[in-house]
Every structure is written in C-alpha cells, then in structure tokens.
Amino acid sequence: VWMQRLGTQVQNKQVFEQVIVSHQKIVFLEQSNRANIQEFKRLL
C-alpha cells in the first residue's frame, strides 16, 4: 500500500510495481537469496 501511494507521486509507476513484486518474492515466497536482495536494493 505504501509503494502504491508513492507511485501516485510520479508519472512512471512501473518501478514501484516491480519493487512490490520483488518484496513479495522475498517475504512471502521466502526467496531471500543474494540475487533477489540485490534486485530489491536496486529497485528501491
């Protein structure tokens, strides 16, 4: 919800949607490997 709110502040919302997907992958699918963490860091 926080990322969706921040997405309304910019024209290109795609990067915020991508960071939501990356977060769900790490937290809910427990795919917290080094590659996913680095991807999450880059998207933020």
All heavy atoms as atom14 arrays in JSON, in Angstrom:
{
  "sequence": "VWMQRLGTQVQNKQVFEQVIVSHQKIVFLEQSNRANIQEFKRLL",
  "atom14_mask": [
    [1, 1, 1, 1, 1, 1, 1, 0, 0, 0, 0, 0, 0, 0],
    [1, 1, 1, 1, 1, 1, 1, 1, 1, 1, 1, 1, 1, 1],
    [1, 1, 1, 1, 1, 1, 1, 1, 0, 0, 0, 0, 0, 0],
    [1, 1, 1, 1, 1, 1, 1, 1, 1, 0, 0, 0, 0, 0],
    [1, 1, 1, 1, 1, 1, 1, 1, 1, 1, 1, 0, 0, 0],
    [1, 1, 1, 1, 1, 1, 1, 1, 0, 0, 0, 0, 0, 0],
    [1, 1, 1, 1, 0, 0, 0, 0, 0, 0, 0, 0, 0, 0],
    [1, 1, 1, 1, 1, 1, 1, 0, 0, 0, 0, 0, 0, 0],
    [1, 1, 1, 1, 1, 1, 1, 1, 1, 0, 0, 0, 0, 0],
    [1, 1, 1, 1, 1, 1, 1, 0, 0, 0, 0, 0, 0, 0],
    [1, 1, 1, 1, 1, 1, 1, 1, 1, 0, 0, 0, 0, 0],
    [1, 1, 1, 1, 1, 1, 1, 1, 0, 0, 0, 0, 0, 0],
    [1, 1, 1, 1, 1, 1, 1, 1, 1, 0, 0, 0, 0, 0],
    [1, 1, 1, 1, 1, 1, 1, 1, 1, 0, 0, 0, 0, 0],
    [1, 1, 1, 1, 1, 1, 1, 0, 0, 0, 0, 0, 0, 0],
    [1, 1, 1, 1, 1, 1, 1, 1, 1, 1, 1, 0, 0, 0],
    [1, 1, 1, 1, 1, 1, 1, 1, 1, 0, 0, 0, 0, 0],
    [1, 1, 1, 1, 1, 1, 1, 1, 1, 0, 0, 0, 0, 0],
    [1, 1, 1, 1, 1, 1, 1, 0, 0, 0, 0, 0, 0, 0],
    [1, 1, 1, 1, 1, 1, 1, 1, 0, 0, 0, 0, 0, 0],
    [1, 1, 1, 1, 1, 1, 1, 0, 0, 0, 0, 0, 0, 0],
    [1, 1, 1, 1, 1, 1, 0, 0, 0, 0, 0, 0, 0, 0],
    [1, 1, 1, 1, 1, 1, 1, 1, 1, 1, 0, 0, 0, 0],
    [1, 1, 1, 1, 1, 1, 1, 1, 1, 0, 0, 0, 0, 0],
    [1, 1, 1, 1, 1, 1, 1, 1, 1, 0, 0, 0, 0, 0],
    [1, 1, 1, 1, 1, 1, 1, 1, 0, 0, 0, 0, 0, 0],
    [1, 1, 1, 1, 1, 1, 1, 0, 0, 0, 0, 0, 0, 0],
    [1, 1, 1, 1, 1, 1, 1, 1, 1, 1, 1, 0, 0, 0],
    [1, 1, 1, 1, 1, 1, 1, 1, 0, 0, 0, 0, 0, 0],
    [1, 1, 1, 1, 1, 1, 1, 1, 1, 0, 0, 0, 0, 0],
    [1, 1, 1, 1, 1, 1, 1, 1, 1, 0, 0, 0, 0, 0],
    [1, 1, 1, 1, 1, 1, 0, 0, 0, 0, 0, 0, 0, 0],
    [1, 1, 1, 1, 1, 1, 1, 1, 0, 0, 0, 0, 0, 0],
    [1, 1, 1, 1, 1, 1, 1, 1, 1, 1, 1, 0, 0, 0],
    [1, 1, 1, 1, 1, 0, 0, 0, 0, 0, 0, 0, 0, 0],
    [1, 1, 1, 1, 1, 1, 1, 1, 0, 0, 0, 0, 0, 0],
    [1, 1, 1, 1, 1, 1, 1, 1, 0, 0, 0, 0, 0, 0],
    [1, 1, 1, 1, 1, 1, 1, 1, 1, 0, 0, 0, 0, 0],
    [1, 1, 1, 1, 1, 1, 1, 1, 1, 0, 0, 0, 0, 0],
    [1, 1, 1, 1, 1, 1, 1, 1, 1, 1, 1, 0, 0, 0],
    [1, 1, 1, 1, 1, 1, 1, 1, 1, 0, 0, 0, 0, 0],
    [1, 1, 1, 1, 1, 1, 1, 1, 1, 1, 1, 0, 0, 0],
    [1, 1, 1, 1, 1, 1, 1, 1, 0, 0, 0, 0, 0, 0],
    [1, 1, 1, 1, 1, 1, 1, 1, 0, 0, 0, 0, 0, 0]
  ],
  "atom14_positions": [
    [[0.84, -1.21, 0.0], [0.0, 0.0, 0.0], [0.87, 1.25, 0.0], [0.59, 2.24, -0.69], [-0.93, -0.02, 1.23], [-1.7, 1.3, 1.33], [-1.9, -1.19, 1.14], [0.0, 0.0, 0.0], [0.0, 0.0, 0.0], [0.0, 0.0, 0.0], [0.0, 0.0, 0.0], [0.0, 0.0, 0.0], [0.0, 0.0, 0.0], [0.0, 0.0, 0.0]],
    [[1.98, 1.19, 0.76], [2.89, 2.35, 0.83], [3.51, 2.64, -0.54], [3.55, 3.78, -0.99], [3.97, 2.06, 1.87], [4.98, 3.16, 2.07], [4.76, 4.5, 2.0], [6.37, 2.98, 2.33], [5.91, 5.19, 2.24], [6.94, 4.26, 2.45], [7.19, 1.87, 2.54], [8.29, 4.46, 2.72], [8.51, 2.07, 2.82], [9.08, 3.36, 2.91]],
    [[3.95, 1.58, -1.24], [4.55, 1.76, -2.55], [3.52, 2.27, -3.56], [3.84, 3.08, -4.45], [5.16, 0.43, -3.05], [6.4, -0.01, -2.3], [7.81, 1.12, -2.51], [7.85, 1.91, -0.89], [0.0, 0.0, 0.0], [0.0, 0.0, 0.0], [0.0, 0.0, 0.0], [0.0, 0.0, 0.0], [0.0, 0.0, 0.0], [0.0, 0.0, 0.0]],
    [[2.29, 1.79, -3.45], [1.25, 2.26, -4.35], [0.99, 3.75, -4.14], [0.78, 4.52, -5.09], [-0.04, 1.46, -4.14], [0.06, 0.01, -4.63], [-1.15, -0.81, -4.23], [-2.09, -0.31, -3.61], [-1.12, -2.1, -4.58], [0.0, 0.0, 0.0], [0.0, 0.0, 0.0], [0.0, 0.0, 0.0], [0.0, 0.0, 0.0], [0.0, 0.0, 0.0]],
    [[1.03, 4.2, -2.86], [0.83, 5.62, -2.57], [1.98, 6.45, -3.13], [1.77, 7.53, -3.69], [0.72, 5.84, -1.07], [0.6, 7.32, -0.65], [0.12, 7.44, 0.78], [1.09, 6.94, 1.75], [2.11, 7.67, 2.25], [2.3, 8.91, 1.85], [2.92, 7.13, 3.14], [0.0, 0.0, 0.0], [0.0, 0.0, 0.0], [0.0, 0.0, 0.0]],
    [[3.21, 5.93, -2.98], [4.34, 6.66, -3.51], [4.3, 6.71, -5.05], [4.76, 7.68, -5.67], [5.65, 6.03, -3.04], [5.94, 6.06, -1.53], [7.28, 5.41, -1.23], [5.95, 7.5, -1.02], [0.0, 0.0, 0.0], [0.0, 0.0, 0.0], [0.0, 0.0, 0.0], [0.0, 0.0, 0.0], [0.0, 0.0, 0.0], [0.0, 0.0, 0.0]],
    [[3.73, 5.67, -5.68], [3.65, 5.62, -7.14], [2.77, 6.71, -7.72], [2.93, 7.1, -8.87], [0.0, 0.0, 0.0], [0.0, 0.0, 0.0], [0.0, 0.0, 0.0], [0.0, 0.0, 0.0], [0.0, 0.0, 0.0], [0.0, 0.0, 0.0], [0.0, 0.0, 0.0], [0.0, 0.0, 0.0], [0.0, 0.0, 0.0], [0.0, 0.0, 0.0]],
    [[1.82, 7.18, -6.9], [0.94, 8.26, -7.38], [1.68, 9.59, -7.47], [1.14, 10.55, -8.05], [-0.26, 8.41, -6.44], [0.21, 8.77, -5.12], [-1.06, 7.11, -6.37], [0.0, 0.0, 0.0], [0.0, 0.0, 0.0], [0.0, 0.0, 0.0], [0.0, 0.0, 0.0], [0.0, 0.0, 0.0], [0.0, 0.0, 0.0], [0.0, 0.0, 0.0]],
    [[2.9, 9.65, -6.9], [3.65, 10.89, -6.9], [4.49, 11.06, -8.16], [5.08, 12.12, -8.38], [4.57, 10.94, -5.66], [3.87, 10.73, -4.34], [2.91, 11.87, -4.01], [3.24, 13.04, -4.21], [1.71, 11.52, -3.55], [0.0, 0.0, 0.0], [0.0, 0.0, 0.0], [0.0, 0.0, 0.0], [0.0, 0.0, 0.0], [0.0, 0.0, 0.0]],
    [[4.57, 10.01, -8.99], [5.41, 10.06, -10.2], [4.59, 9.65, -11.41], [3.5, 9.06, -11.29], [6.64, 9.13, -10.03], [7.49, 9.57, -8.85], [6.21, 7.67, -9.87], [0.0, 0.0, 0.0], [0.0, 0.0, 0.0], [0.0, 0.0, 0.0], [0.0, 0.0, 0.0], [0.0, 0.0, 0.0], [0.0, 0.0, 0.0], [0.0, 0.0, 0.0]],
    [[5.15, 9.96, -12.6], [4.45, 9.61, -13.84], [4.63, 8.13, -14.17], [3.7, 7.46, -14.59], [4.97, 10.48, -14.98], [4.61, 11.97, -14.84], [5.12, 12.77, -16.01], [5.86, 12.29, -16.86], [4.72, 14.04, -16.06], [0.0, 0.0, 0.0], [0.0, 0.0, 0.0], [0.0, 0.0, 0.0], [0.0, 0.0, 0.0], [0.0, 0.0, 0.0]],
    [[5.86, 7.61, -13.98], [6.14, 6.21, -14.31], [6.01, 5.37, -13.05], [6.88, 5.36, -12.18], [7.54, 6.08, -14.9], [7.86, 4.65, -15.34], [6.97, 3.8, -15.38], [9.12, 4.41, -15.67], [0.0, 0.0, 0.0], [0.0, 0.0, 0.0], [0.0, 0.0, 0.0], [0.0, 0.0, 0.0], [0.0, 0.0, 0.0], [0.0, 0.0, 0.0]],
    [[4.87, 4.61, -12.94], [4.62, 3.81, -11.74], [5.24, 2.42, -11.82], [5.17, 1.65, -10.86], [3.12, 3.66, -11.52], [2.38, 4.99, -11.37], [0.89, 4.73, -11.17], [0.13, 6.06, -11.03], [-1.32, 5.82, -10.86], [0.0, 0.0, 0.0], [0.0, 0.0, 0.0], [0.0, 0.0, 0.0], [0.0, 0.0, 0.0], [0.0, 0.0, 0.0]],
    [[5.85, 2.09, -12.96], [6.3, 0.73, -13.2], [7.34, 0.27, -12.18], [7.29, -0.86, -11.69], [6.89, 0.63, -14.61], [7.3, -0.79, -14.99], [7.84, -0.86, -16.41], [7.95, 0.16, -17.11], [8.16, -2.07, -16.86], [0.0, 0.0, 0.0], [0.0, 0.0, 0.0], [0.0, 0.0, 0.0], [0.0, 0.0, 0.0], [0.0, 0.0, 0.0]],
    [[8.27, 1.17, -11.83], [9.33, 0.77, -10.9], [8.77, 0.43, -9.53], [9.26, -0.47, -8.83], [10.4, 1.89, -10.81], [9.82, 3.14, -10.16], [11.62, 1.4, -10.03], [0.0, 0.0, 0.0], [0.0, 0.0, 0.0], [0.0, 0.0, 0.0], [0.0, 0.0, 0.0], [0.0, 0.0, 0.0], [0.0, 0.0, 0.0], [0.0, 0.0, 0.0]],
    [[7.67, 1.12, -9.1], [7.04, 0.83, -7.8], [6.3, -0.5, -7.82], [6.27, -1.21, -6.82], [6.11, 1.98, -7.42], [6.84, 3.25, -7.05], [7.09, 4.22, -8.0], [7.28, 3.45, -5.76], [7.77, 5.38, -7.67], [7.96, 4.62, -5.42], [8.22, 5.56, -6.38], [0.0, 0.0, 0.0], [0.0, 0.0, 0.0], [0.0, 0.0, 0.0]],
    [[5.72, -0.82, -8.98], [5.05, -2.11, -9.12], [6.08, -3.25, -9.07], [5.84, -4.31, -8.48], [4.26, -2.15, -10.42], [3.08, -1.17, -10.45], [2.42, -1.1, -11.82], [2.98, -1.71, -12.75], [1.39, -0.43, -11.94], [0.0, 0.0, 0.0], [0.0, 0.0, 0.0], [0.0, 0.0, 0.0], [0.0, 0.0, 0.0], [0.0, 0.0, 0.0]],
    [[7.25, -3.0, -9.7], [8.29, -4.03, -9.71], [8.85, -4.28, -8.29], [9.14, -5.43, -7.91], [9.43, -3.59, -10.64], [9.04, -3.62, -12.11], [10.15, -3.05, -12.99], [11.09, -2.43, -12.5], [10.03, -3.28, -14.3], [0.0, 0.0, 0.0], [0.0, 0.0, 0.0], [0.0, 0.0, 0.0], [0.0, 0.0, 0.0], [0.0, 0.0, 0.0]],
    [[9.01, -3.2, -7.51], [9.56, -3.37, -6.17], [8.57, -4.11, -5.27], [8.97, -4.85, -4.36], [9.98, -2.01, -5.56], [8.78, -1.26, -4.98], [11.04, -2.21, -4.47], [0.0, 0.0, 0.0], [0.0, 0.0, 0.0], [0.0, 0.0, 0.0], [0.0, 0.0, 0.0], [0.0, 0.0, 0.0], [0.0, 0.0, 0.0], [0.0, 0.0, 0.0]],
    [[7.26, -3.94, -5.52], [6.24, -4.68, -4.76], [6.37, -6.18, -5.04], [6.34, -7.01, -4.12], [4.82, -4.18, -5.1], [4.63, -2.76, -4.56], [3.77, -5.11, -4.52], [3.33, -2.11, -5.0], [0.0, 0.0, 0.0], [0.0, 0.0, 0.0], [0.0, 0.0, 0.0], [0.0, 0.0, 0.0], [0.0, 0.0, 0.0], [0.0, 0.0, 0.0]],
    [[6.54, -6.53, -6.31], [6.69, -7.93, -6.7], [7.95, -8.53, -6.07], [7.94, -9.65, -5.56], [6.71, -8.06, -8.25], [7.04, -9.5, -8.64], [5.4, -7.63, -8.84], [0.0, 0.0, 0.0], [0.0, 0.0, 0.0], [0.0, 0.0, 0.0], [0.0, 0.0, 0.0], [0.0, 0.0, 0.0], [0.0, 0.0, 0.0], [0.0, 0.0, 0.0]],
    [[9.06, -7.76, -6.11], [10.32, -8.23, -5.53], [10.17, -8.45, -4.02], [10.67, -9.44, -3.48], [11.43, -7.21, -5.81], [12.64, -7.63, -5.24], [0.0, 0.0, 0.0], [0.0, 0.0, 0.0], [0.0, 0.0, 0.0], [0.0, 0.0, 0.0], [0.0, 0.0, 0.0], [0.0, 0.0, 0.0], [0.0, 0.0, 0.0], [0.0, 0.0, 0.0]],
    [[9.46, -7.55, -3.34], [9.25, -7.68, -1.9], [8.44, -8.92, -1.57], [8.75, -9.66, -0.61], [8.55, -6.42, -1.4], [8.25, -6.44, 0.08], [7.03, -6.85, 0.58], [9.03, -6.14, 1.17], [7.05, -6.78, 1.9], [8.26, -6.34, 2.29], [0.0, 0.0, 0.0], [0.0, 0.0, 0.0], [0.0, 0.0, 0.0], [0.0, 0.0, 0.0]],
    [[7.39, -9.18, -2.36], [6.55, -10.36, -2.11], [7.34, -11.66, -2.32], [7.16, -12.64, -1.6], [5.33, -10.32, -3.04], [4.35, -9.22, -2.69], [3.24, -9.1, -3.7], [3.35, -9.59, -4.84], [2.15, -8.41, -3.32], [0.0, 0.0, 0.0], [0.0, 0.0, 0.0], [0.0, 0.0, 0.0], [0.0, 0.0, 0.0], [0.0, 0.0, 0.0]],
    [[8.24, -11.61, -3.31], [9.06, -12.78, -3.6], [9.96, -13.12, -2.39], [10.12, -14.27, -2.01], [9.92, -12.46, -4.84], [10.19, -13.67, -5.73], [11.14, -13.3, -6.86], [10.32, -12.83, -8.06], [11.21, -12.67, -9.26], [0.0, 0.0, 0.0], [0.0, 0.0, 0.0], [0.0, 0.0, 0.0], [0.0, 0.0, 0.0], [0.0, 0.0, 0.0]],
    [[10.54, -12.07, -1.79], [11.46, -12.28, -0.67], [10.72, -12.67, 0.6], [11.13, -13.6, 1.32], [12.3, -11.0, -0.43], [13.23, -10.75, -1.62], [13.11, -11.1, 0.86], [13.93, -9.42, -1.58], [0.0, 0.0, 0.0], [0.0, 0.0, 0.0], [0.0, 0.0, 0.0], [0.0, 0.0, 0.0], [0.0, 0.0, 0.0], [0.0, 0.0, 0.0]],
    [[9.6, -11.97, 0.89], [8.92, -12.15, 2.18], [8.0, -13.36, 2.16], [8.07, -14.22, 3.05], [8.13, -10.88, 2.55], [7.36, -11.09, 3.84], [9.08, -9.7, 2.67], [0.0, 0.0, 0.0], [0.0, 0.0, 0.0], [0.0, 0.0, 0.0], [0.0, 0.0, 0.0], [0.0, 0.0, 0.0], [0.0, 0.0, 0.0], [0.0, 0.0, 0.0]],
    [[7.13, -13.46, 1.13], [6.09, -14.49, 1.16], [6.53, -15.79, 0.5], [6.08, -16.87, 0.9], [4.82, -13.95, 0.49], [4.28, -12.72, 1.18], [4.34, -11.47, 0.57], [3.73, -12.82, 2.45], [3.86, -10.34, 1.21], [3.25, -11.68, 3.09], [3.32, -10.44, 2.47], [0.0, 0.0, 0.0], [0.0, 0.0, 0.0], [0.0, 0.0, 0.0]],
    [[7.38, -15.7, -0.53], [7.87, -16.92, -1.17], [9.2, -17.39, -0.58], [9.73, -18.42, -0.99], [8.03, -16.69, -2.69], [6.74, -16.32, -3.44], [7.02, -16.12, -4.92], [5.69, -17.42, -3.25], [0.0, 0.0, 0.0], [0.0, 0.0, 0.0], [0.0, 0.0, 0.0], [0.0, 0.0, 0.0], [0.0, 0.0, 0.0], [0.0, 0.0, 0.0]],
    [[9.75, -16.59, 0.38], [10.99, -16.92, 1.09], [12.15, -17.18, 0.13], [12.95, -18.08, 0.32], [10.78, -18.13, 2.01], [9.77, -17.88, 3.11], [9.63, -19.05, 4.06], [10.24, -20.09, 3.78], [8.92, -18.93, 5.07], [0.0, 0.0, 0.0], [0.0, 0.0, 0.0], [0.0, 0.0, 0.0], [0.0, 0.0, 0.0], [0.0, 0.0, 0.0]],
    [[12.22, -16.35, -0.9], [13.32, -16.43, -1.86], [14.32, -15.31, -1.58], [14.56, -14.43, -2.41], [12.79, -16.35, -3.3], [11.85, -17.5, -3.67], [11.28, -17.36, -5.08], [11.59, -16.42, -5.82], [10.43, -18.31, -5.46], [0.0, 0.0, 0.0], [0.0, 0.0, 0.0], [0.0, 0.0, 0.0], [0.0, 0.0, 0.0], [0.0, 0.0, 0.0]],
    [[14.87, -15.35, -0.36], [15.77, -14.27, 0.06], [17.22, -14.61, -0.25], [18.09, -14.51, 0.6], [15.6, -14.01, 1.56], [15.84, -15.2, 2.29], [0.0, 0.0, 0.0], [0.0, 0.0, 0.0], [0.0, 0.0, 0.0], [0.0, 0.0, 0.0], [0.0, 0.0, 0.0], [0.0, 0.0, 0.0], [0.0, 0.0, 0.0], [0.0, 0.0, 0.0]],
    [[17.48, -15.02, -1.49], [18.86, -15.27, -1.89], [19.55, -13.95, -2.25], [18.93, -12.9, -2.31], [18.91, -16.26, -3.05], [18.02, -15.82, -4.22], [18.18, -14.71, -4.73], [17.08, -16.68, -4.62], [0.0, 0.0, 0.0], [0.0, 0.0, 0.0], [0.0, 0.0, 0.0], [0.0, 0.0, 0.0], [0.0, 0.0, 0.0], [0.0, 0.0, 0.0]],
    [[20.85, -14.04, -2.48], [21.64, -12.84, -2.71], [21.19, -12.09, -3.96], [21.11, -10.84, -3.95], [23.13, -13.25, -2.84], [24.1, -12.13, -3.18], [23.98, -10.92, -2.29], [24.0, -11.24, -0.86], [23.78, -10.35, 0.09], [23.48, -9.1, -0.2], [23.8, -10.72, 1.36], [0.0, 0.0, 0.0], [0.0, 0.0, 0.0], [0.0, 0.0, 0.0]],
    [[20.79, -12.79, -5.02], [20.36, -12.12, -6.27], [19.08, -11.33, -6.06], [18.95, -10.18, -6.52], [20.16, -13.17, -7.37], [0.0, 0.0, 0.0], [0.0, 0.0, 0.0], [0.0, 0.0, 0.0], [0.0, 0.0, 0.0], [0.0, 0.0, 0.0], [0.0, 0.0, 0.0], [0.0, 0.0, 0.0], [0.0, 0.0, 0.0], [0.0, 0.0, 0.0]],
    [[18.12, -11.9, -5.34], [16.85, -11.2, -5.1], [17.05, -9.99, -4.19], [16.4, -8.95, -4.38], [15.83, -12.16, -4.49], [15.31, -13.16, -5.5], [15.4, -12.93, -6.71], [14.76, -14.27, -5.02], [0.0, 0.0, 0.0], [0.0, 0.0, 0.0], [0.0, 0.0, 0.0], [0.0, 0.0, 0.0], [0.0, 0.0, 0.0], [0.0, 0.0, 0.0]],
    [[17.94, -10.13, -3.2], [18.21, -8.99, -2.31], [18.85, -7.85, -3.09], [18.48, -6.68, -2.92], [19.14, -9.44, -1.15], [18.42, -10.42, -0.21], [19.63, -8.22, -0.36], [17.25, -9.82, 0.56], [0.0, 0.0, 0.0], [0.0, 0.0, 0.0], [0.0, 0.0, 0.0], [0.0, 0.0, 0.0], [0.0, 0.0, 0.0], [0.0, 0.0, 0.0]],
    [[19.8, -8.18, -3.96], [20.44, -7.14, -4.78], [19.44, -6.49, -5.73], [19.46, -5.26, -5.95], [21.61, -7.76, -5.58], [22.8, -8.18, -4.72], [23.43, -6.99, -4.01], [23.48, -5.88, -4.55], [23.9, -7.23, -2.79], [0.0, 0.0, 0.0], [0.0, 0.0, 0.0], [0.0, 0.0, 0.0], [0.0, 0.0, 0.0], [0.0, 0.0, 0.0]],
    [[18.53, -7.28, -6.28], [17.49, -6.73, -7.16], [16.56, -5.79, -6.38], [16.2, -4.7, -6.85], [16.68, -7.88, -7.78], [15.5, -7.45, -8.64], [15.94, -6.78, -9.93], [17.15, -6.84, -10.27], [15.07, -6.2, -10.61], [0.0, 0.0, 0.0], [0.0, 0.0, 0.0], [0.0, 0.0, 0.0], [0.0, 0.0, 0.0], [0.0, 0.0, 0.0]],
    [[16.2, -6.2, -5.17], [15.33, -5.37, -4.32], [16.02, -4.05, -3.96], [15.41, -2.98, -3.98], [14.98, -6.16, -3.06], [14.01, -5.47, -2.14], [12.7, -5.2, -2.55], [14.39, -5.08, -0.86], [11.8, -4.57, -1.7], [13.5, -4.45, -0.02], [12.2, -4.19, -0.43], [0.0, 0.0, 0.0], [0.0, 0.0, 0.0], [0.0, 0.0, 0.0]],
    [[17.3, -4.14, -3.69], [18.08, -2.94, -3.36], [18.14, -1.99, -4.54], [17.99, -0.76, -4.39], [19.49, -3.37, -2.93], [20.41, -2.22, -2.55], [21.78, -2.75, -2.14], [22.71, -1.61, -1.75], [24.05, -2.13, -1.35], [0.0, 0.0, 0.0], [0.0, 0.0, 0.0], [0.0, 0.0, 0.0], [0.0, 0.0, 0.0], [0.0, 0.0, 0.0]],
    [[18.34, -2.53, -5.77], [18.4, -1.68, -6.96], [17.08, -1.0, -7.26], [17.02, 0.2, -7.59], [18.83, -2.54, -8.16], [19.01, -1.77, -9.46], [19.27, -2.71, -10.61], [18.13, -3.58, -10.86], [17.01, -3.19, -11.52], [16.86, -1.95, -11.95], [16.02, -4.05, -11.71], [0.0, 0.0, 0.0], [0.0, 0.0, 0.0], [0.0, 0.0, 0.0]],
    [[15.96, -1.75, -7.08], [14.63, -1.18, -7.34], [14.3, -0.06, -6.35], [13.71, 0.96, -6.72], [13.57, -2.27, -7.28], [13.63, -3.31, -8.43], [12.67, -4.45, -8.16], [13.3, -2.64, -9.77], [0.0, 0.0, 0.0], [0.0, 0.0, 0.0], [0.0, 0.0, 0.0], [0.0, 0.0, 0.0], [0.0, 0.0, 0.0], [0.0, 0.0, 0.0]],
    [[14.66, -0.25, -5.07], [14.43, 0.81, -4.08], [15.22, 2.07, -4.43], [14.74, 3.2, -4.26], [14.82, 0.33, -2.68], [13.84, -0.65, -1.99], [14.41, -1.11, -0.67], [12.48, 0.01, -1.77], [0.0, 0.0, 0.0], [0.0, 0.0, 0.0], [0.0, 0.0, 0.0], [0.0, 0.0, 0.0], [0.0, 0.0, 0.0], [0.0, 0.0, 0.0]]
  ]
}
